[in-house]
Protein backbone atom coordinates (compact mmCIF):
# COMPACT_ATOMS: atom_id res chain seq x y z
CA MET A 1 -95.07 9.05 -7.49
CA GLN A 2 -93.10 11.05 -9.22
CA ARG A 3 -92.88 13.62 -6.09
CA LYS A 4 -92.52 10.43 -3.55
CA GLN A 5 -89.55 9.26 -6.22
CA SER A 6 -88.18 13.21 -5.83
CA THR A 7 -88.36 13.28 -2.00
CA ARG A 8 -86.27 9.95 -1.91
CA LEU A 9 -84.14 10.53 -4.77
CA GLU A 10 -83.30 14.08 -2.72
CA ASN A 11 -82.92 12.34 0.50
CA ASP A 12 -80.63 9.91 -0.96
CA ALA A 13 -78.39 12.37 -1.83
CA GLU A 14 -78.89 14.48 1.60
CA GLN A 15 -77.59 11.16 2.78
CA VAL A 16 -74.52 11.04 0.34
CA LEU A 17 -73.33 14.30 0.98
CA ARG A 18 -73.93 13.95 5.06
CA VAL A 19 -71.63 10.67 4.80
CA ASN A 20 -69.12 12.30 1.96
CA ARG A 21 -68.60 15.22 4.11
CA SER A 22 -68.74 12.88 7.16
CA THR A 23 -65.66 10.80 5.03
CA VAL A 24 -63.51 14.05 4.14
CA SER A 25 -64.22 15.08 7.99
CA MET A 26 -62.53 12.09 9.09
CA VAL A 27 -59.39 11.95 6.46
CA ALA A 28 -58.76 15.71 7.22
CA SER A 29 -58.85 14.10 11.42
CA LEU A 30 -57.13 11.42 9.85
CA ARG A 31 -54.44 13.28 7.93
CA LYS A 32 -53.93 15.52 11.39
CA GLU A 33 -53.39 13.01 13.48
CA ASN A 34 -50.84 11.39 10.93
CA GLN A 35 -48.82 14.31 10.81
CA ASP A 36 -49.24 14.39 15.06
CA LEU A 37 -47.69 10.99 15.16
CA GLN A 38 -44.71 11.80 12.62
CA LYS A 39 -43.73 15.20 14.31
CA THR A 40 -44.19 12.63 17.87
CA LEU A 41 -41.67 10.09 16.38
CA ALA A 42 -38.97 12.75 14.90
CA ARG A 43 -38.78 14.17 18.72
CA LYS A 44 -38.58 10.89 20.17
CA GLU A 45 -35.99 9.49 16.89
CA ALA A 46 -34.15 13.30 17.77
CA MET A 47 -34.25 12.32 21.78
CA LEU A 48 -32.69 9.01 21.18
CA GLN A 49 -29.94 10.70 18.96
CA SER A 50 -29.39 13.25 21.26
CA LEU A 51 -29.13 10.68 24.38
CA GLY A 52 -27.08 8.30 22.40
CA SER A 53 -24.26 10.97 21.94
CA GLN A 54 -25.05 11.86 25.69
CA LYS A 55 -24.04 8.42 26.87
CA ASP A 56 -21.46 7.88 24.08
CA GLU A 57 -19.44 11.82 25.73
CA LEU A 58 -20.15 9.85 29.19
CA ILE A 59 -18.72 7.17 28.26
CA ALA A 60 -15.60 8.69 27.00
CA ALA A 61 -15.97 11.02 30.16
CA ILE A 62 -15.72 8.13 32.82
CA CYS A 63 -12.95 6.21 30.33
CA SER A 64 -10.39 9.19 30.16
CA GLY A 65 -10.60 9.21 34.13
CA MET A 66 -9.94 5.65 34.61
CA VAL A 67 -7.34 5.96 32.15
CA ARG A 68 -5.58 8.66 34.13
CA LYS A 69 -5.64 6.47 37.51
CA LEU A 70 -4.19 3.35 35.63
CA LYS A 71 -1.30 5.19 33.99
CA ALA A 72 0.36 5.03 37.89
CA PRO A 73 0.03 1.50 38.58
CA VAL A 74 0.61 0.30 35.56
CA ARG A 75 4.04 2.35 35.35
CA THR A 76 4.78 1.13 38.79
CA LEU A 77 4.40 -2.76 37.51
CA THR A 78 6.24 -2.03 34.70
CA ASP A 79 8.79 -0.92 36.46
CA TYR A 80 9.51 -3.48 38.94
CA ILE A 81 9.28 -5.62 36.14
CA SER A 82 12.12 -4.49 34.21
CA ARG A 83 14.54 -4.17 37.39
CA SER A 84 13.56 -7.83 38.66
CA LYS A 85 16.02 -10.58 38.42
CA PRO A 86 15.85 -13.74 38.48
CA LEU A 87 15.63 -15.57 41.95
CA THR A 88 15.87 -19.32 41.29
CA LYS A 89 18.80 -21.64 40.36
CA SER A 90 18.02 -22.34 36.65
CA GLY A 91 17.64 -18.56 35.89
CA LYS A 92 14.06 -18.48 35.53
CA PRO A 93 11.80 -16.03 36.96
CA LEU A 94 9.70 -16.65 40.56
CA LYS A 95 5.98 -17.78 39.74
CA ALA A 96 5.25 -14.12 41.13
CA ASP A 97 7.18 -12.47 38.95
CA MET A 98 5.59 -13.99 36.05
CA GLU A 99 2.03 -13.45 37.46
CA LEU A 100 2.76 -10.06 38.19
CA ALA A 101 4.14 -9.82 34.56
CA THR A 102 0.71 -11.00 33.44
CA ALA A 103 -1.27 -8.52 35.73
CA ALA A 104 0.97 -5.82 33.88
CA HIS A 105 0.25 -7.12 30.68
CA GLN A 106 -3.63 -7.46 31.43
CA LEU A 107 -3.67 -3.61 33.02
CA THR A 108 -1.66 -2.52 29.97
CA THR A 109 -4.43 -3.23 27.35
CA LEU A 110 -6.73 -2.47 29.52
CA SER A 111 -5.33 0.98 29.41
CA ARG A 112 -5.45 1.25 25.62
CA SER A 113 -8.88 0.04 24.95
CA LEU A 114 -9.95 3.23 28.10
CA GLU A 115 -7.71 4.87 26.13
CA THR A 116 -9.28 4.02 22.69
CA LEU A 117 -13.19 4.81 24.04
CA SER A 118 -11.94 8.07 25.59
CA LYS A 119 -10.72 9.50 22.25
CA ARG A 120 -13.45 11.21 19.82
CA GLN A 121 -11.10 12.17 17.21
CA CYS A 122 -8.42 10.23 15.07
CA GLU A 123 -4.79 11.75 15.76
CA ARG A 124 -4.02 13.80 12.70
CA SER A 125 -0.27 12.79 12.55
CA LYS A 126 -1.58 9.11 11.99
CA VAL A 127 -4.57 9.75 8.88
CA LEU A 128 -3.80 9.27 5.76
CA LEU A 129 -6.07 8.41 2.82
CA PHE A 130 -6.07 3.93 2.03
CA ASP A 131 -7.80 1.31 0.61
CA ILE A 132 -9.40 -0.38 3.26
CA GLY A 133 -9.41 -3.52 1.07
CA ASP A 134 -5.62 -3.18 1.89
CA VAL A 135 -6.51 -3.39 5.58
CA VAL A 136 -8.77 -6.20 5.33
CA GLN A 137 -6.04 -8.22 3.92
CA GLU A 138 -3.14 -7.27 5.68
CA ALA A 139 -5.81 -8.03 8.74
CA ILE A 140 -6.34 -11.54 7.04
CA ALA A 141 -2.97 -12.46 6.96
CA GLN A 142 -2.29 -11.13 10.57
CA MET A 143 -4.92 -13.41 11.70
CA ARG A 144 -3.76 -16.57 9.34
CA TYR A 145 -2.02 -18.41 11.68
CA GLN A 146 -5.26 -18.54 14.28
CA LEU A 147 -7.39 -19.13 11.60
CA THR A 148 -5.10 -22.28 10.13
CA SER A 149 -3.63 -23.58 13.80
CA ARG A 150 -7.05 -23.90 15.34
CA PRO A 151 -6.77 -25.30 19.18
CA LYS A 152 -7.36 -28.74 19.92
CA GLY A 153 -10.97 -30.07 19.57
CA ALA A 154 -11.91 -26.94 17.81
CA GLY A 155 -13.34 -27.72 14.27
CA PRO A 156 -11.68 -25.79 10.59
CA ILE A 157 -12.42 -22.57 9.24
CA ASN A 158 -13.51 -22.52 5.90
CA LEU A 159 -12.27 -18.71 4.85
CA GLN A 160 -13.15 -16.95 1.57
CA TYR A 161 -13.14 -13.33 1.10
CA TYR A 162 -13.81 -10.97 -1.86
CA LEU A 163 -12.43 -7.89 -2.11
CA ARG A 164 -13.30 -5.56 -4.89
CA GLU A 165 -11.83 -2.20 -5.54
CA VAL A 166 -12.46 0.32 -3.33
CA SER A 167 -12.04 4.23 -3.31
CA PRO A 168 -10.23 5.67 -1.30
CA VAL A 169 -11.13 6.50 2.54
CA LYS A 170 -9.68 8.80 4.77
CA GLY A 171 -8.31 7.52 8.58
CA ASP A 172 -5.90 5.87 10.82
CA PRO A 173 -5.37 2.47 9.07
CA GLU A 174 -3.91 1.01 12.02
CA GLU A 175 -7.12 1.25 14.08
CA LEU A 176 -8.77 0.32 10.72
CA LYS A 177 -6.42 -3.32 11.00
CA ALA A 178 -7.49 -3.49 14.61
CA VAL A 179 -11.35 -3.59 14.20
CA VAL A 180 -10.78 -5.93 11.15
CA THR A 181 -8.88 -8.58 13.41
CA GLU A 182 -11.10 -8.05 16.56
CA LEU A 183 -14.21 -9.37 14.55
CA ILE A 184 -12.06 -11.73 12.64
CA SER A 185 -11.37 -12.82 16.45
CA ASN A 186 -14.91 -13.09 17.79
CA ALA A 187 -16.27 -14.69 14.43
CA MET A 188 -13.78 -17.20 15.12
CA GLU A 189 -14.64 -17.41 18.80
CA ALA A 190 -18.34 -18.33 17.74
CA MET A 191 -17.71 -21.29 15.68
CA PRO A 192 -15.51 -23.64 18.34
CA GLN A 193 -16.56 -26.31 16.09
CA GLY A 194 -15.63 -25.68 12.87
CA GLY A 195 -17.80 -23.33 10.30
CA ASP A 196 -17.46 -20.67 7.28
CA LEU A 197 -16.39 -17.34 7.43
CA TYR A 198 -16.71 -15.06 4.13
CA ILE A 199 -15.03 -11.53 4.24
CA SER A 200 -16.61 -9.03 1.47
CA ALA A 201 -15.37 -4.94 0.79
CA GLU A 202 -16.92 -2.94 -1.84
CA ASP A 203 -18.25 0.62 -2.66
CA SER A 204 -22.05 1.28 -1.20
CA ALA A 205 -24.15 4.23 -1.75
CA GLY A 206 -20.89 6.97 -0.40
CA TYR A 207 -19.45 4.34 1.83
CA ALA A 208 -16.49 1.86 2.20
CA CYS A 209 -18.08 -1.25 3.42
CA VAL A 210 -16.61 -4.98 4.64
CA TYR A 211 -18.93 -7.25 5.26
CA ILE A 212 -17.66 -10.39 8.05
CA GLN A 213 -20.29 -13.13 7.60
CA ASP A 214 -19.66 -16.21 10.40
CA SER A 215 -21.73 -19.70 10.32
CA GLY A 216 -21.38 -19.73 14.52
CA SER A 217 -23.79 -19.52 16.93
CA SER A 218 -26.16 -16.68 17.28
CA ILE A 219 -26.31 -13.59 18.68
CA PRO A 220 -29.24 -13.82 21.43
CA ALA A 221 -32.02 -11.43 20.57
CA GLU A 222 -32.28 -9.92 24.20
CA ILE A 223 -28.71 -8.88 24.12
CA LEU A 224 -27.78 -7.75 20.53
CA PRO A 225 -28.70 -4.08 21.55
CA ARG A 226 -26.46 -4.01 24.42
CA ILE A 227 -22.90 -6.09 22.57
CA THR A 228 -21.36 -2.95 22.09
CA ASP A 229 -21.58 -1.17 25.39
CA PRO A 230 -18.43 -1.19 27.28
CA PHE A 231 -17.81 -4.36 29.48
CA PHE A 232 -20.75 -6.32 28.70
CA THR A 233 -19.41 -9.73 28.00
CA THR A 234 -21.42 -13.19 28.41
CA LYS A 235 -17.71 -15.08 27.63
CA ASP A 236 -15.89 -15.72 30.84
CA GLY A 237 -12.40 -14.02 31.32
CA LYS A 238 -13.10 -11.85 28.72
CA ASP A 239 -13.10 -7.84 29.26
CA GLY A 240 -16.21 -7.35 27.14
CA LEU A 241 -14.51 -3.87 25.77
CA GLY A 242 -13.51 -5.43 22.09
CA LEU A 243 -16.52 -4.03 20.33
CA SER A 244 -16.93 -1.52 22.02
CA VAL A 245 -13.14 -0.19 21.07
CA ALA A 246 -14.38 -1.12 17.27
CA ARG A 247 -17.39 0.75 17.17
CA ALA A 248 -15.73 3.82 19.35
CA ILE A 249 -13.04 3.18 16.42
CA LEU A 250 -15.77 3.70 13.46
CA ALA A 251 -16.99 6.67 15.25
CA ARG A 252 -14.14 9.00 15.37
CA HIS A 253 -14.09 7.43 11.51
CA LYS A 254 -17.38 8.44 10.90
CA GLY A 255 -18.39 5.57 10.56
CA ASP A 256 -20.74 2.46 11.95
CA LEU A 257 -20.63 -0.93 12.45
CA GLU A 258 -23.95 -2.84 12.04
CA LEU A 259 -24.79 -6.54 13.45
CA GLU A 260 -27.64 -8.67 12.49
CA SER A 261 -27.51 -11.95 13.54
CA SER A 262 -31.00 -14.72 13.91
CA PRO A 263 -30.72 -18.52 15.18
CA GLY A 264 -28.84 -21.06 12.87
CA CYS A 265 -28.11 -18.80 10.31
CA GLY A 266 -24.58 -17.09 12.02
CA THR A 267 -23.95 -13.49 12.63
CA THR A 268 -22.97 -10.54 10.14
CA ILE A 269 -21.00 -7.31 10.79
CA THR A 270 -20.94 -4.68 8.49
CA ILE A 271 -18.37 -1.81 8.71
CA ARG A 272 -19.18 1.39 6.84
CA MET A 273 -16.49 4.11 6.15
CA PRO A 274 -17.74 6.64 3.82
CA LEU A 275 -15.50 7.14 1.03
CA PHE A 276 -13.12 10.09 0.84
CA LYS A 277 -14.19 10.78 -3.06
CA GLU A 278 -17.67 11.77 -4.06
CA GLU A 279 -19.01 9.85 -7.10
CA SER A 280 -18.56 11.35 -10.21
CA ARG A 281 -21.68 12.23 -12.51
CA GLN A 282 -21.02 8.73 -14.61
CA GLY A 283 -21.16 6.75 -11.56
CA LYS A 284 -23.98 8.32 -10.04
CA THR A 285 -25.92 8.06 -13.86
CA GLY A 286 -24.96 4.56 -13.04
CA SER A 287 -26.64 4.35 -9.96
CA ARG A 288 -30.37 5.15 -10.81
CA LYS A 289 -30.06 2.95 -13.58
CA ARG A 290 -29.17 -0.29 -11.22
CA LYS A 291 -31.95 1.00 -8.32
CA ASN A 292 -34.50 0.39 -11.23
CA THR A 293 -33.00 -3.05 -12.46
CA ARG A 294 -34.99 -6.16 -9.91
CA ILE A 295 -32.85 -8.88 -9.10
CA LEU A 296 -33.82 -12.82 -7.83
CA ILE A 297 -31.97 -14.63 -6.07
CA MET A 298 -33.05 -18.21 -5.12
CA GLU A 299 -30.62 -19.90 -3.16
CA GLU A 300 -30.88 -22.51 -0.38
CA ASP A 301 -27.44 -21.90 0.87
CA HIS A 302 -28.27 -18.98 3.83
CA MET A 303 -24.24 -17.99 3.65
CA ILE A 304 -24.21 -17.69 0.11
CA ARG A 305 -28.02 -15.96 -0.31
CA GLU A 306 -27.00 -13.53 1.96
CA LEU A 307 -23.55 -12.46 0.96
CA LEU A 308 -25.43 -12.29 -2.90
CA PHE A 309 -28.22 -9.76 -1.24
CA HIS A 310 -25.49 -7.76 0.43
CA VAL A 311 -23.16 -7.15 -1.98
CA LEU A 312 -25.91 -6.73 -4.94
CA SER A 313 -28.22 -4.67 -2.94
CA GLY A 314 -24.82 -2.23 -1.84
CA LYS A 315 -24.40 -2.02 -5.68
CA GLY A 316 -27.78 -0.61 -6.10
CA TYR A 317 -29.88 -2.86 -7.24
CA ARG A 318 -33.22 -3.87 -5.80
CA VAL A 319 -32.65 -7.94 -5.09
CA ASP A 320 -35.02 -9.91 -3.70
CA ALA A 321 -33.73 -13.28 -2.19
CA ALA A 322 -35.66 -16.61 -1.37
CA GLU A 323 -34.75 -19.11 0.93
CA THR A 324 -35.87 -22.02 -1.62
CA PHE A 325 -36.93 -22.69 -4.93
CA SER A 326 -40.38 -23.15 -4.59
CA GLU A 327 -40.58 -19.57 -2.37
CA GLY A 328 -38.52 -18.17 -5.58
CA PHE A 329 -41.21 -19.16 -7.94
CA GLU A 330 -43.81 -18.14 -6.30
CA ARG A 331 -42.29 -14.27 -6.53
CA LEU A 332 -41.75 -14.60 -10.20
CA LYS A 333 -45.76 -14.99 -10.57
CA GLY A 334 -46.49 -11.65 -9.20
CA THR A 335 -43.33 -9.19 -9.84
CA LEU A 336 -41.14 -8.70 -13.13
CA PHE A 337 -37.69 -9.04 -12.89
CA ASP A 338 -34.42 -8.29 -14.95
CA MET A 339 -31.95 -11.36 -13.67
CA ILE A 340 -32.22 -14.61 -11.52
CA ILE A 341 -29.51 -15.91 -9.82
CA ALA A 342 -30.23 -19.69 -9.05
CA GLY A 343 -28.13 -21.78 -6.50
CA ALA A 344 -27.04 -25.32 -7.15
CA VAL A 345 -29.23 -28.02 -6.98
CA SER A 346 -28.82 -31.36 -5.91
CA GLY A 347 -29.73 -33.84 -9.27
CA ASP A 348 -30.65 -32.69 -12.52
CA GLY A 349 -29.72 -28.53 -12.46
CA ARG A 350 -31.32 -28.87 -16.23
CA THR A 351 -34.95 -29.42 -15.13
CA LEU A 352 -34.65 -26.27 -12.54
CA ILE A 353 -33.71 -23.94 -15.88
CA ARG A 354 -36.54 -25.17 -17.53
CA ARG A 355 -39.01 -24.67 -14.56
CA ILE A 356 -37.13 -20.89 -14.61
CA ARG A 357 -37.52 -20.27 -18.62
CA LYS A 358 -40.45 -21.41 -18.64
CA ALA A 359 -41.57 -18.82 -16.07
CA ALA A 360 -39.57 -16.46 -17.15
CA PRO A 361 -38.27 -16.71 -20.72
CA ARG A 362 -36.61 -13.48 -21.32
CA VAL A 363 -35.47 -12.63 -18.13
CA ARG A 364 -30.98 -12.63 -17.55
CA LEU A 365 -30.69 -16.31 -15.61
CA ALA A 366 -27.67 -17.01 -13.83
CA VAL A 367 -26.71 -20.37 -11.95
CA ILE A 368 -24.51 -21.21 -9.56
CA GLY A 369 -22.52 -24.50 -10.41
CA LEU A 370 -19.87 -25.98 -12.53
CA PRO A 371 -20.02 -25.30 -15.86
CA ALA A 372 -20.02 -28.79 -17.43
CA ASP A 373 -23.41 -29.00 -15.62
CA PHE A 374 -25.23 -26.25 -17.74
CA ASP A 375 -25.02 -24.81 -21.73
CA SER A 376 -24.51 -21.56 -21.80
CA ASP A 377 -24.61 -20.68 -25.15
CA GLY A 378 -27.87 -19.55 -24.99
CA GLY A 379 -28.86 -21.48 -28.11
CA SER A 380 -31.71 -24.05 -25.96
CA SER A 381 -34.41 -24.03 -23.47
CA GLU A 382 -32.19 -25.22 -20.88
CA SER A 383 -29.47 -22.41 -21.31
CA VAL A 384 -28.20 -19.57 -19.34
CA ASP A 385 -26.78 -16.11 -19.46
CA LEU A 386 -23.78 -17.16 -16.83
CA VAL A 387 -22.56 -19.67 -14.54
CA ILE A 388 -20.97 -18.89 -11.69
CA GLY A 389 -18.47 -21.20 -10.35
CA LYS A 390 -17.42 -22.23 -6.88
CA PRO A 391 -15.89 -20.57 -5.39
CA ILE A 392 -17.61 -17.60 -5.97
CA ASP A 393 -14.59 -14.82 -7.63
CA MET A 394 -17.40 -12.34 -6.44
CA SER A 395 -15.30 -9.23 -8.18
CA TRP A 396 -15.60 -12.07 -11.56
CA ALA A 397 -19.22 -12.11 -10.72
CA LEU A 398 -20.51 -8.34 -10.41
CA ASN A 399 -18.53 -7.63 -13.72
CA ARG A 400 -20.52 -10.31 -15.75
CA ILE A 401 -23.91 -9.72 -14.12
CA SER A 402 -23.37 -5.82 -15.16
CA GLU A 403 -22.38 -6.45 -18.39
CA LEU A 404 -25.64 -8.63 -19.00
CA LEU A 405 -27.70 -6.57 -17.57
CA SER A 406 -26.28 -3.55 -19.42
CA GLY A 407 -26.43 -5.43 -22.54
CA ARG A 408 -22.24 -5.21 -23.02
CA ALA A 409 -22.06 -9.34 -22.66
CA LYS A 410 -20.61 -10.95 -25.72
């Protein structure tokens, strides 16, 4: 009996060893397959980057050739128009001359756009150190008339902007202003019935970032990858060069342009420009601290939620964003947060505050709404640590959030 049991144990042990050897072999095989896959992905990524670079170089070469060919006809047209005289009795130019003047203007604009696409470097004489926030303000001022004087039948544009102090960047400020005005113009075109336009600027991970967010019609997913290609357009009467020129300008400045769009949520465009100066040691320490700080945003207003998410993420915080309060409370069950930012609710806001305090009694709590609706003295279960009024002063809000999370709030 004991011999049978011993034999059975030996057989079981041998089987376990075989399974273990098989498992070890399988793990080693999977590890090798994973390494091979990573190498393949790295090769493909490098290939895509190379193709992208080759594509940009090809576009630049084609545009340069087109500019050379356009110079002669543009010069001929402009010379003719400058010499032509009024031929009507009323002293007005002939219709044909007016049409020629329009054509000359269009050709000149096209030639300038193509010339911008053909350049690979900024002109040294125009390169300066500047604050991108100032450039955004100048662009907004330049577009103020179009923003306030809408065509007949078009809805109003609700513009809000939050421009934090941004570290200097190096480049051509006039070119960057042209990029911002183009993107504002595009956002306005996406909102023929009117809507919300949010613009913000801030430092983020070594870059100066500008966010331009509209509540207009979204960009279909199938055309989003091609939206910055030269001459690609879905609009009648457009040359399809606006976004490609913006992208080319940013590429010359070692920056980039990122577009995010989803149905019913509008479009967010991010401009990134490398900062001229690196962060100080103290700034890097602060960034590391923020990286370990988790913030939950519970806000049903898409525009405000996305704006807060982008700005706080850009400052280095780990941010979760819940589209509904129900989703927010579900996230509270499985994750520890350092702060909750709750959006305004219709009805009794104190009920929401009590629910949040019950679910997360020790978490810093900020609410978006009217100060009179909430108690912020810290003395009751409905109290909050911070009330963020509307419209949001983003600079003030970020400073207060930073103070609360660092324990410096009074």
